[in-house]
Amino acid sequence: MSPILLFFFVAIIEYGYAAGAYLNANAAVADGLRVASVMGNNPTADWEIIQAVKGSVGGRENISVEKIVVFKAQNGSSTAPLACTAGTTRVTNLTTMVVNGVTLPGFGACNGYTGPLDFPEPQASAHFYGCGAPRHASADNRSRGYCPNDRNTAFVGPNNTSGPDFIGVYVRYKHELITGLFGDDITFEVTSITRVEPTEVGN
């Protein structure tokens, strides 16, 4: 086989694996988003989202999840907040807005989770999740930026027009290339947004 043919053969294999990894990442985000919608304002929602993403990419040795971000989106086409997606450290971004005299998480509020993502079971480490005072101010709290407890799960306002929160899940992961001929790895970023599943109807 000529060197040129060998090069193209290796390239097809390498990028075929990369395409498969990208599709796998999209499926992982979709799984995490379904959990985010169903869990709503359950205090352990983010822990469950992380487990769903990990479960989807589990078993692939050439994939490493670098960051998972859960955020409040303004609409279905919003982008994940840079405040939480940048860098490789765990971070939260707490913004607020006042609606009808009630303080709620603002658009762009987010929780950025990074490795290792093998967090303890929430029942054994409740201070990592639920965001009632004084845990909002605790640096230990991993979900204080966009607290699950504060997520709107109700249709509110006339004719149910304002609806529950738009919630987004962002995943950044690294796919390790096999041969090293095209570099060591490729980084993919995938974001998806949906509404939190409504559980009640407001007035």
N, C-alpha and C. Protein backbone atom coordinates (compact mmCIF):
# COMPACT_ATOMS: atom_id res chain seq x y z
N MET A 1 0.85 -1.20 0.00
CA MET A 1 0.00 0.00 0.00
C MET A 1 0.88 1.24 0.00
N SER A 2 0.58 2.18 -0.87
CA SER A 2 1.38 3.39 -0.96
C SER A 2 1.18 4.25 0.28
N PRO A 3 2.15 5.10 0.61
CA PRO A 3 2.03 5.97 1.79
C PRO A 3 0.79 6.86 1.74
N ILE A 4 0.43 7.32 0.52
CA ILE A 4 -0.74 8.21 0.40
C ILE A 4 -2.02 7.46 0.73
N LEU A 5 -2.14 6.23 0.18
CA LEU A 5 -3.32 5.43 0.46
C LEU A 5 -3.39 5.07 1.93
N LEU A 6 -2.23 4.77 2.52
CA LEU A 6 -2.18 4.44 3.94
C LEU A 6 -2.63 5.62 4.78
N PHE A 7 -2.19 6.81 4.38
CA PHE A 7 -2.57 8.03 5.10
C PHE A 7 -4.09 8.20 5.09
N PHE A 8 -4.70 8.06 3.90
CA PHE A 8 -6.15 8.23 3.80
C PHE A 8 -6.90 7.13 4.54
N PHE A 9 -6.35 5.94 4.54
CA PHE A 9 -6.97 4.83 5.26
C PHE A 9 -6.99 5.12 6.76
N VAL A 10 -5.85 5.58 7.28
CA VAL A 10 -5.76 5.92 8.70
C VAL A 10 -6.69 7.08 9.04
N ALA A 11 -6.75 8.06 8.12
CA ALA A 11 -7.60 9.23 8.36
C ALA A 11 -9.08 8.82 8.45
N ILE A 12 -9.49 7.92 7.57
CA ILE A 12 -10.88 7.46 7.59
C ILE A 12 -11.20 6.78 8.91
N ILE A 13 -10.28 5.93 9.38
CA ILE A 13 -10.49 5.23 10.65
C ILE A 13 -10.53 6.24 11.81
N GLU A 14 -9.56 7.14 11.83
CA GLU A 14 -9.44 8.09 12.93
C GLU A 14 -10.68 8.98 13.05
N TYR A 15 -11.09 9.53 11.95
CA TYR A 15 -12.21 10.45 12.01
C TYR A 15 -13.55 9.72 12.04
N GLY A 16 -13.56 8.45 11.65
CA GLY A 16 -14.75 7.64 11.84
C GLY A 16 -15.02 7.44 13.33
N TYR A 17 -13.94 7.15 14.08
CA TYR A 17 -14.08 7.03 15.54
C TYR A 17 -14.49 8.36 16.16
N ALA A 18 -13.93 9.46 15.64
CA ALA A 18 -14.26 10.79 16.18
C ALA A 18 -15.74 11.11 15.93
N ALA A 19 -16.24 10.77 14.74
CA ALA A 19 -17.65 11.02 14.43
C ALA A 19 -18.55 10.21 15.36
N GLY A 20 -18.15 8.95 15.61
CA GLY A 20 -18.92 8.13 16.54
C GLY A 20 -18.93 8.72 17.93
N ALA A 21 -17.78 9.26 18.35
CA ALA A 21 -17.69 9.89 19.68
C ALA A 21 -18.57 11.12 19.76
N TYR A 22 -18.64 11.89 18.67
CA TYR A 22 -19.47 13.08 18.65
C TYR A 22 -20.95 12.72 18.77
N LEU A 23 -21.36 11.70 18.04
CA LEU A 23 -22.74 11.23 18.14
C LEU A 23 -23.05 10.73 19.55
N ASN A 24 -22.07 10.08 20.15
CA ASN A 24 -22.23 9.60 21.52
C ASN A 24 -22.40 10.76 22.49
N ALA A 25 -21.66 11.84 22.26
CA ALA A 25 -21.76 13.02 23.12
C ALA A 25 -23.13 13.67 22.98
N ASN A 26 -23.63 13.73 21.76
CA ASN A 26 -24.97 14.28 21.55
C ASN A 26 -26.03 13.47 22.28
N ALA A 27 -25.88 12.15 22.24
CA ALA A 27 -26.82 11.28 22.95
C ALA A 27 -26.71 11.49 24.45
N ALA A 28 -25.49 11.71 24.94
CA ALA A 28 -25.29 11.93 26.37
C ALA A 28 -25.97 13.22 26.83
N VAL A 29 -25.84 14.28 26.03
CA VAL A 29 -26.48 15.54 26.37
C VAL A 29 -28.01 15.38 26.34
N ALA A 30 -28.51 14.65 25.35
CA ALA A 30 -29.95 14.42 25.28
C ALA A 30 -30.45 13.67 26.50
N ASP A 31 -29.68 12.68 26.96
CA ASP A 31 -30.05 11.94 28.16
C ASP A 31 -30.06 12.85 29.38
N GLY A 32 -29.02 13.68 29.50
CA GLY A 32 -28.95 14.61 30.62
C GLY A 32 -30.08 15.61 30.60
N LEU A 33 -30.46 16.06 29.39
CA LEU A 33 -31.52 17.04 29.27
C LEU A 33 -32.87 16.45 29.64
N ARG A 34 -33.11 15.21 29.27
CA ARG A 34 -34.37 14.56 29.65
C ARG A 34 -34.49 14.49 31.17
N VAL A 35 -33.38 14.14 31.82
CA VAL A 35 -33.39 14.08 33.29
C VAL A 35 -33.62 15.48 33.87
N ALA A 36 -32.96 16.49 33.29
CA ALA A 36 -33.12 17.86 33.78
C ALA A 36 -34.57 18.30 33.71
N SER A 37 -35.25 17.95 32.63
CA SER A 37 -36.65 18.34 32.47
C SER A 37 -37.55 17.63 33.46
N VAL A 38 -37.34 16.34 33.63
CA VAL A 38 -38.21 15.54 34.50
C VAL A 38 -37.96 15.85 35.97
N MET A 39 -36.69 16.05 36.35
CA MET A 39 -36.37 16.29 37.76
C MET A 39 -36.84 17.65 38.24
N GLY A 40 -36.95 18.62 37.33
CA GLY A 40 -37.50 19.92 37.69
C GLY A 40 -36.75 20.57 38.83
N ASN A 41 -37.49 20.89 39.92
CA ASN A 41 -36.86 21.56 41.06
C ASN A 41 -36.53 20.60 42.20
N ASN A 42 -36.33 19.33 41.87
CA ASN A 42 -35.85 18.38 42.87
C ASN A 42 -34.43 18.78 43.30
N PRO A 43 -34.14 18.85 44.59
CA PRO A 43 -32.83 19.32 45.04
C PRO A 43 -31.64 18.53 44.48
N THR A 44 -31.85 17.27 44.10
CA THR A 44 -30.74 16.46 43.59
C THR A 44 -30.72 16.39 42.07
N ALA A 45 -31.42 17.32 41.41
CA ALA A 45 -31.54 17.26 39.95
C ALA A 45 -30.18 17.24 39.25
N ASP A 46 -29.27 18.12 39.67
CA ASP A 46 -27.99 18.19 38.96
C ASP A 46 -27.17 16.91 39.13
N TRP A 47 -27.24 16.31 40.30
CA TRP A 47 -26.53 15.04 40.50
C TRP A 47 -27.07 14.00 39.53
N GLU A 48 -28.38 13.96 39.36
CA GLU A 48 -28.99 13.00 38.45
C GLU A 48 -28.61 13.28 37.00
N ILE A 49 -28.53 14.56 36.64
CA ILE A 49 -28.12 14.94 35.28
C ILE A 49 -26.70 14.45 35.00
N ILE A 50 -25.82 14.65 35.96
CA ILE A 50 -24.42 14.21 35.80
C ILE A 50 -24.35 12.70 35.61
N GLN A 51 -25.12 11.98 36.40
CA GLN A 51 -25.10 10.52 36.28
C GLN A 51 -25.62 10.07 34.91
N ALA A 52 -26.63 10.76 34.38
CA ALA A 52 -27.16 10.41 33.07
C ALA A 52 -26.13 10.62 31.98
N VAL A 53 -25.42 11.74 32.04
CA VAL A 53 -24.38 12.02 31.05
C VAL A 53 -23.26 11.00 31.15
N LYS A 54 -22.82 10.75 32.38
CA LYS A 54 -21.75 9.77 32.58
C LYS A 54 -22.16 8.39 32.09
N GLY A 55 -23.41 8.02 32.34
CA GLY A 55 -23.88 6.71 31.92
C GLY A 55 -23.88 6.54 30.42
N SER A 56 -24.13 7.64 29.69
CA SER A 56 -24.18 7.57 28.23
C SER A 56 -22.80 7.44 27.60
N VAL A 57 -21.80 8.07 28.21
CA VAL A 57 -20.45 8.00 27.64
C VAL A 57 -19.61 6.92 28.30
N GLY A 58 -20.16 6.27 29.31
CA GLY A 58 -19.42 5.23 30.01
C GLY A 58 -19.06 4.07 29.10
N GLY A 59 -17.90 3.48 29.33
CA GLY A 59 -17.48 2.34 28.54
C GLY A 59 -16.62 2.71 27.34
N ARG A 60 -16.50 4.00 27.05
CA ARG A 60 -15.65 4.44 25.95
C ARG A 60 -14.36 5.00 26.54
N GLU A 61 -13.29 4.25 26.40
CA GLU A 61 -12.03 4.62 27.04
C GLU A 61 -11.38 5.85 26.42
N ASN A 62 -11.74 6.18 25.19
CA ASN A 62 -11.11 7.31 24.52
C ASN A 62 -11.89 8.61 24.68
N ILE A 63 -12.87 8.63 25.58
CA ILE A 63 -13.64 9.84 25.85
C ILE A 63 -13.48 10.23 27.31
N SER A 64 -13.17 11.49 27.54
CA SER A 64 -13.13 12.00 28.91
C SER A 64 -13.95 13.27 28.99
N VAL A 65 -14.93 13.29 29.88
CA VAL A 65 -15.79 14.46 30.08
C VAL A 65 -15.00 15.50 30.87
N GLU A 66 -14.86 16.69 30.31
CA GLU A 66 -14.12 17.76 30.97
C GLU A 66 -15.01 18.68 31.79
N LYS A 67 -16.21 18.93 31.29
CA LYS A 67 -17.11 19.83 32.03
C LYS A 67 -18.55 19.57 31.63
N ILE A 68 -19.42 19.65 32.64
CA ILE A 68 -20.86 19.60 32.44
C ILE A 68 -21.43 20.88 33.05
N VAL A 69 -22.24 21.59 32.28
CA VAL A 69 -22.85 22.83 32.77
C VAL A 69 -24.37 22.72 32.69
N VAL A 70 -25.03 23.06 33.77
CA VAL A 70 -26.49 23.16 33.81
C VAL A 70 -26.82 24.64 33.97
N PHE A 71 -27.66 25.18 33.09
CA PHE A 71 -27.89 26.62 33.12
C PHE A 71 -29.32 26.99 32.80
N LYS A 72 -29.70 28.20 33.23
CA LYS A 72 -31.02 28.75 32.91
C LYS A 72 -30.90 29.53 31.61
N ALA A 73 -31.64 29.08 30.60
CA ALA A 73 -31.60 29.72 29.29
C ALA A 73 -32.76 30.70 29.13
N GLN A 74 -32.56 31.70 28.29
CA GLN A 74 -33.64 32.65 28.03
C GLN A 74 -34.66 32.08 27.05
N ASN A 75 -34.17 31.26 26.12
CA ASN A 75 -35.05 30.63 25.14
C ASN A 75 -34.35 29.38 24.59
N GLY A 76 -34.97 28.74 23.64
CA GLY A 76 -34.43 27.49 23.13
C GLY A 76 -33.19 27.61 22.28
N SER A 77 -32.80 28.83 21.92
CA SER A 77 -31.60 29.01 21.10
C SER A 77 -30.46 29.70 21.85
N SER A 78 -30.58 29.81 23.17
CA SER A 78 -29.52 30.44 23.97
C SER A 78 -28.24 29.63 23.92
N THR A 79 -27.14 30.28 24.23
CA THR A 79 -25.86 29.59 24.35
C THR A 79 -25.51 29.41 25.82
N ALA A 80 -24.69 28.42 26.11
CA ALA A 80 -24.28 28.18 27.49
C ALA A 80 -23.42 29.34 27.99
N PRO A 81 -23.61 29.79 29.22
CA PRO A 81 -22.88 30.97 29.74
C PRO A 81 -21.38 30.73 29.83
N LEU A 82 -20.63 31.68 29.29
CA LEU A 82 -19.17 31.59 29.33
C LEU A 82 -18.66 31.54 30.76
N ALA A 83 -19.40 32.17 31.67
CA ALA A 83 -18.98 32.19 33.08
C ALA A 83 -18.81 30.78 33.63
N CYS A 84 -19.54 29.81 33.08
CA CYS A 84 -19.45 28.43 33.58
C CYS A 84 -18.75 27.49 32.61
N THR A 85 -18.75 27.80 31.31
CA THR A 85 -18.13 26.87 30.36
C THR A 85 -16.62 27.05 30.26
N ALA A 86 -16.12 28.26 30.54
CA ALA A 86 -14.69 28.52 30.41
C ALA A 86 -13.90 27.80 31.48
N GLY A 87 -12.69 27.42 31.13
CA GLY A 87 -11.79 26.83 32.10
C GLY A 87 -12.11 25.39 32.43
N THR A 88 -11.36 24.85 33.37
CA THR A 88 -11.49 23.45 33.74
C THR A 88 -11.78 23.26 35.22
N THR A 89 -12.19 24.32 35.89
CA THR A 89 -12.46 24.22 37.32
C THR A 89 -13.97 24.29 37.57
N ARG A 90 -14.38 23.76 38.71
CA ARG A 90 -15.79 23.82 39.10
C ARG A 90 -16.15 25.27 39.42
N VAL A 91 -17.27 25.74 38.90
CA VAL A 91 -17.63 27.14 39.07
C VAL A 91 -19.15 27.27 39.07
N THR A 92 -19.65 28.30 39.76
CA THR A 92 -21.07 28.62 39.70
C THR A 92 -21.22 30.10 39.38
N ASN A 93 -22.30 30.46 38.73
CA ASN A 93 -22.57 31.85 38.39
C ASN A 93 -23.99 32.17 38.84
N LEU A 94 -24.10 32.94 39.92
CA LEU A 94 -25.40 33.25 40.51
C LEU A 94 -25.87 34.62 40.03
N THR A 95 -26.89 34.65 39.19
CA THR A 95 -27.53 35.89 38.78
C THR A 95 -29.01 35.79 39.15
N THR A 96 -29.63 36.92 39.37
CA THR A 96 -31.03 36.89 39.80
C THR A 96 -31.87 37.87 39.00
N MET A 97 -33.18 37.64 39.01
CA MET A 97 -34.14 38.54 38.40
C MET A 97 -35.37 38.56 39.30
N VAL A 98 -36.11 39.65 39.30
CA VAL A 98 -37.31 39.78 40.14
C VAL A 98 -38.54 39.74 39.25
N VAL A 99 -39.43 38.80 39.53
CA VAL A 99 -40.67 38.64 38.77
C VAL A 99 -41.83 38.71 39.75
N ASN A 100 -42.69 39.71 39.56
CA ASN A 100 -43.86 39.89 40.44
C ASN A 100 -43.45 39.90 41.92
N GLY A 101 -42.34 40.58 42.19
CA GLY A 101 -41.88 40.72 43.56
C GLY A 101 -41.13 39.52 44.11
N VAL A 102 -40.93 38.49 43.28
CA VAL A 102 -40.23 37.27 43.73
C VAL A 102 -38.86 37.20 43.06
N THR A 103 -37.82 36.97 43.85
CA THR A 103 -36.46 36.86 43.31
C THR A 103 -36.23 35.44 42.80
N LEU A 104 -35.86 35.34 41.53
CA LEU A 104 -35.64 34.06 40.88
C LEU A 104 -34.26 34.06 40.23
N PRO A 105 -33.74 32.88 39.88
CA PRO A 105 -32.47 32.84 39.14
C PRO A 105 -32.62 33.59 37.81
N GLY A 106 -31.60 34.37 37.46
CA GLY A 106 -31.64 35.12 36.20
C GLY A 106 -31.14 34.29 35.04
N PHE A 107 -31.39 34.78 33.83
CA PHE A 107 -30.88 34.10 32.65
C PHE A 107 -29.35 34.09 32.71
N GLY A 108 -28.77 32.95 32.48
CA GLY A 108 -27.31 32.82 32.57
C GLY A 108 -26.84 32.26 33.89
N ALA A 109 -27.76 32.11 34.86
CA ALA A 109 -27.39 31.43 36.10
C ALA A 109 -26.98 30.00 35.75
N CYS A 110 -25.90 29.53 36.34
CA CYS A 110 -25.39 28.23 35.90
C CYS A 110 -24.54 27.55 36.96
N ASN A 111 -24.39 26.24 36.78
CA ASN A 111 -23.51 25.42 37.60
C ASN A 111 -22.57 24.68 36.66
N GLY A 112 -21.28 24.88 36.84
CA GLY A 112 -20.29 24.21 36.00
C GLY A 112 -19.58 23.12 36.79
N TYR A 113 -19.75 21.89 36.36
CA TYR A 113 -19.17 20.75 37.06
C TYR A 113 -17.99 20.21 36.27
N THR A 114 -16.94 19.86 36.98
CA THR A 114 -15.77 19.31 36.33
C THR A 114 -15.28 18.10 37.10
N GLY A 115 -14.33 17.38 36.50
CA GLY A 115 -13.87 16.12 37.10
C GLY A 115 -13.08 16.30 38.37
N PRO A 116 -13.00 15.22 39.17
CA PRO A 116 -13.71 13.97 38.91
C PRO A 116 -15.20 14.13 39.21
N LEU A 117 -16.03 13.54 38.35
CA LEU A 117 -17.47 13.71 38.47
C LEU A 117 -18.13 12.59 39.25
N ASP A 118 -17.35 11.86 40.03
CA ASP A 118 -17.91 10.79 40.85
C ASP A 118 -18.34 11.34 42.20
N PHE A 119 -19.30 12.28 42.17
CA PHE A 119 -19.78 12.92 43.38
C PHE A 119 -20.44 11.88 44.29
N PRO A 120 -20.39 12.12 45.60
CA PRO A 120 -21.08 11.20 46.53
C PRO A 120 -22.58 11.20 46.27
N GLU A 121 -23.24 10.15 46.73
CA GLU A 121 -24.70 10.11 46.64
C GLU A 121 -25.28 11.34 47.33
N PRO A 122 -26.29 11.98 46.76
CA PRO A 122 -26.82 13.21 47.35
C PRO A 122 -27.36 13.02 48.76
N GLN A 123 -27.90 11.83 49.04
CA GLN A 123 -28.45 11.62 50.37
C GLN A 123 -27.36 11.70 51.44
N ALA A 124 -26.14 11.35 51.05
CA ALA A 124 -25.04 11.37 52.02
C ALA A 124 -24.34 12.73 52.05
N SER A 125 -24.63 13.58 51.07
CA SER A 125 -23.93 14.86 50.99
C SER A 125 -24.91 15.96 50.58
N ALA A 126 -25.95 16.13 51.38
CA ALA A 126 -27.02 17.06 51.02
C ALA A 126 -26.52 18.49 50.85
N HIS A 127 -25.44 18.85 51.58
CA HIS A 127 -24.96 20.22 51.50
C HIS A 127 -24.35 20.54 50.14
N PHE A 128 -24.12 19.53 49.31
CA PHE A 128 -23.60 19.78 47.97
C PHE A 128 -24.70 20.26 47.02
N TYR A 129 -25.96 20.08 47.39
CA TYR A 129 -27.03 20.28 46.42
C TYR A 129 -28.06 21.30 46.89
N GLY A 130 -29.12 20.89 47.62
CA GLY A 130 -30.17 21.83 47.97
C GLY A 130 -29.65 23.20 48.36
N CYS A 131 -30.34 24.26 47.94
CA CYS A 131 -29.76 25.61 48.04
C CYS A 131 -30.48 26.54 48.99
N GLY A 132 -31.18 26.02 49.98
CA GLY A 132 -31.77 26.91 50.96
C GLY A 132 -30.70 27.60 51.78
N ALA A 133 -31.01 28.76 52.34
CA ALA A 133 -30.06 29.50 53.16
C ALA A 133 -29.59 28.61 54.32
N PRO A 134 -28.32 28.65 54.71
CA PRO A 134 -27.29 29.55 54.18
C PRO A 134 -26.46 28.93 53.05
N ARG A 135 -26.95 27.86 52.44
CA ARG A 135 -26.12 27.15 51.48
C ARG A 135 -25.90 27.92 50.19
N HIS A 136 -26.77 28.91 49.91
CA HIS A 136 -26.54 29.75 48.73
C HIS A 136 -25.13 30.35 48.76
N ALA A 137 -24.70 30.72 49.95
CA ALA A 137 -23.42 31.42 50.09
C ALA A 137 -22.25 30.48 50.31
N SER A 138 -22.50 29.20 50.39
CA SER A 138 -21.44 28.25 50.69
C SER A 138 -20.67 27.86 49.44
N ALA A 139 -19.36 28.04 49.45
CA ALA A 139 -18.53 27.66 48.31
C ALA A 139 -18.54 26.16 48.11
N ASP A 140 -18.95 25.42 49.14
CA ASP A 140 -19.02 23.97 49.07
C ASP A 140 -20.18 23.50 48.19
N ASN A 141 -21.19 24.36 48.05
CA ASN A 141 -22.40 23.94 47.36
C ASN A 141 -22.17 23.93 45.86
N ARG A 142 -22.36 22.80 45.25
CA ARG A 142 -22.03 22.64 43.83
C ARG A 142 -23.14 23.11 42.90
N SER A 143 -24.30 23.38 43.44
CA SER A 143 -25.40 23.79 42.56
C SER A 143 -25.98 25.14 42.96
N ARG A 144 -25.19 25.97 43.61
CA ARG A 144 -25.72 27.23 44.15
C ARG A 144 -25.92 28.30 43.08
N GLY A 145 -25.28 28.17 41.93
CA GLY A 145 -25.44 29.18 40.88
C GLY A 145 -26.83 29.18 40.30
N TYR A 146 -27.33 27.99 39.96
CA TYR A 146 -28.69 27.82 39.44
C TYR A 146 -29.33 26.71 40.26
N CYS A 147 -29.81 27.09 41.43
CA CYS A 147 -30.29 26.12 42.41
C CYS A 147 -31.49 25.33 41.89
N PRO A 148 -31.42 24.02 41.95
CA PRO A 148 -32.57 23.22 41.54
C PRO A 148 -33.85 23.61 42.27
N ASN A 149 -33.72 23.92 43.57
CA ASN A 149 -34.89 24.31 44.36
C ASN A 149 -35.62 25.51 43.78
N ASP A 150 -34.89 26.39 43.07
CA ASP A 150 -35.46 27.65 42.58
C ASP A 150 -35.95 27.56 41.14
N ARG A 151 -35.89 26.38 40.54
CA ARG A 151 -36.31 26.27 39.14
C ARG A 151 -37.83 26.30 39.03
N ASN A 152 -38.31 27.08 38.09
CA ASN A 152 -39.75 27.25 37.92
C ASN A 152 -40.32 26.06 37.17
N THR A 153 -41.25 25.36 37.79
CA THR A 153 -41.89 24.21 37.16
C THR A 153 -43.36 24.47 36.88
N ALA A 154 -43.79 25.73 37.05
CA ALA A 154 -45.21 26.05 36.89
C ALA A 154 -45.45 26.95 35.69
N PHE A 155 -46.61 26.78 35.04
CA PHE A 155 -47.08 27.76 34.09
C PHE A 155 -47.58 28.94 34.92
N VAL A 156 -47.09 30.14 34.64
CA VAL A 156 -47.52 31.32 35.40
C VAL A 156 -47.96 32.41 34.44
N GLY A 157 -48.83 33.30 34.95
CA GLY A 157 -49.28 34.41 34.14
C GLY A 157 -50.52 34.07 33.33
N PRO A 158 -51.11 35.05 32.70
CA PRO A 158 -52.35 34.83 31.95
C PRO A 158 -52.14 33.89 30.77
N ASN A 159 -53.10 33.01 30.57
CA ASN A 159 -53.09 32.08 29.45
C ASN A 159 -51.86 31.17 29.44
N ASN A 160 -51.23 31.00 30.60
CA ASN A 160 -50.08 30.10 30.72
C ASN A 160 -48.98 30.44 29.72
N THR A 161 -48.73 31.74 29.51
CA THR A 161 -47.81 32.14 28.45
C THR A 161 -46.35 32.14 28.86
N SER A 162 -46.04 32.37 30.14
CA SER A 162 -44.64 32.51 30.52
C SER A 162 -43.94 31.18 30.71
N GLY A 163 -44.67 30.18 31.12
CA GLY A 163 -44.15 28.82 31.15
C GLY A 163 -43.04 28.56 32.16
N PRO A 164 -42.68 27.29 32.31
CA PRO A 164 -41.57 26.92 33.21
C PRO A 164 -40.22 27.29 32.61
N ASP A 165 -39.17 27.14 33.39
CA ASP A 165 -37.82 27.51 32.95
C ASP A 165 -37.40 26.77 31.68
N PHE A 166 -36.64 27.49 30.85
CA PHE A 166 -35.83 26.83 29.84
C PHE A 166 -34.55 26.39 30.55
N ILE A 167 -34.23 25.11 30.48
CA ILE A 167 -33.02 24.61 31.13
C ILE A 167 -32.09 24.03 30.07
N GLY A 168 -30.82 24.33 30.21
CA GLY A 168 -29.83 23.87 29.24
C GLY A 168 -28.79 22.96 29.86
N VAL A 169 -28.29 22.03 29.07
CA VAL A 169 -27.18 21.17 29.48
C VAL A 169 -26.09 21.27 28.43
N TYR A 170 -24.90 21.58 28.89
CA TYR A 170 -23.72 21.71 28.03
C TYR A 170 -22.70 20.68 28.48
N VAL A 171 -22.08 20.01 27.51
CA VAL A 171 -21.03 19.04 27.83
C VAL A 171 -19.82 19.33 26.95
N ARG A 172 -18.68 19.45 27.57
CA ARG A 172 -17.41 19.52 26.84
C ARG A 172 -16.61 18.27 27.15
N TYR A 173 -16.18 17.60 26.11
CA TYR A 173 -15.42 16.37 26.36
C TYR A 173 -14.30 16.25 25.35
N LYS A 174 -13.35 15.44 25.71
CA LYS A 174 -12.15 15.24 24.89
C LYS A 174 -12.14 13.83 24.33
N HIS A 175 -11.96 13.74 23.01
CA HIS A 175 -11.84 12.44 22.34
C HIS A 175 -10.37 12.23 21.98
N GLU A 176 -9.78 11.20 22.53
CA GLU A 176 -8.37 10.90 22.26
C GLU A 176 -8.24 10.19 20.92
N LEU A 177 -7.39 10.76 20.06
CA LEU A 177 -7.15 10.15 18.77
C LEU A 177 -6.25 8.93 18.91
N ILE A 178 -6.42 7.97 18.04
CA ILE A 178 -5.77 6.66 18.20
C ILE A 178 -4.32 6.67 17.74
N THR A 179 -4.07 7.23 16.56
CA THR A 179 -2.73 7.10 15.96
C THR A 179 -1.78 8.21 16.34
N GLY A 180 -2.30 9.38 16.66
CA GLY A 180 -1.45 10.53 16.94
C GLY A 180 -0.97 11.25 15.70
N LEU A 181 -1.36 10.77 14.52
CA LEU A 181 -0.93 11.42 13.27
C LEU A 181 -1.62 12.75 13.06
N PHE A 182 -2.77 12.94 13.67
CA PHE A 182 -3.55 14.16 13.48
C PHE A 182 -3.69 14.94 14.79
N GLY A 183 -2.75 14.73 15.67
CA GLY A 183 -2.82 15.36 16.98
C GLY A 183 -3.17 14.34 18.05
N ASP A 184 -3.20 14.81 19.28
CA ASP A 184 -3.46 13.90 20.40
C ASP A 184 -4.96 13.72 20.68
N ASP A 185 -5.73 14.78 20.45
CA ASP A 185 -7.15 14.69 20.81
C ASP A 185 -7.96 15.76 20.09
N ILE A 186 -9.27 15.61 20.16
CA ILE A 186 -10.23 16.60 19.65
C ILE A 186 -11.20 16.93 20.77
N THR A 187 -11.47 18.21 20.94
CA THR A 187 -12.43 18.63 21.96
C THR A 187 -13.76 18.98 21.30
N PHE A 188 -14.83 18.40 21.83
CA PHE A 188 -16.18 18.67 21.33
C PHE A 188 -16.97 19.39 22.41
N GLU A 189 -17.86 20.29 21.97
CA GLU A 189 -18.79 20.97 22.87
C GLU A 189 -20.21 20.80 22.33
N VAL A 190 -21.10 20.33 23.17
CA VAL A 190 -22.48 20.08 22.75
C VAL A 190 -23.42 20.74 23.76
N THR A 191 -24.41 21.47 23.26
CA THR A 191 -25.40 22.14 24.11
C THR A 191 -26.80 21.82 23.63
N SER A 192 -27.71 21.59 24.55
CA SER A 192 -29.10 21.38 24.21
C SER A 192 -29.98 22.02 25.29
N ILE A 193 -31.17 22.48 24.87
CA ILE A 193 -32.06 23.21 25.78
C ILE A 193 -33.48 22.70 25.63
N THR A 194 -34.18 22.64 26.75
CA THR A 194 -35.60 22.28 26.73
C THR A 194 -36.31 22.98 27.87
N ARG A 195 -37.61 22.82 27.94
CA ARG A 195 -38.37 23.35 29.08
C ARG A 195 -38.35 22.35 30.22
N VAL A 196 -38.35 22.88 31.44
CA VAL A 196 -38.57 22.02 32.60
C VAL A 196 -40.00 21.50 32.51
N GLU A 197 -40.18 20.23 32.79
CA GLU A 197 -41.52 19.65 32.72
C GLU A 197 -42.42 20.28 33.77
N PRO A 198 -43.53 20.89 33.35
CA PRO A 198 -44.41 21.58 34.32
C PRO A 198 -45.12 20.60 35.25
N THR A 199 -45.24 21.01 36.50
CA THR A 199 -45.91 20.18 37.50
C THR A 199 -47.14 20.83 38.09
N GLU A 200 -47.34 22.13 37.77
CA GLU A 200 -48.49 22.84 38.31
C GLU A 200 -48.83 24.01 37.40
N VAL A 201 -50.01 24.55 37.58
CA VAL A 201 -50.45 25.70 36.80
C VAL A 201 -50.67 26.87 37.73
N GLY A 202 -49.97 27.98 37.42
CA GLY A 202 -50.13 29.18 38.25
C GLY A 202 -51.35 29.98 37.83
N ASN A 203 -51.59 31.07 38.54
CA ASN A 203 -52.73 31.92 38.22
C ASN A 203 -52.30 33.10 37.36
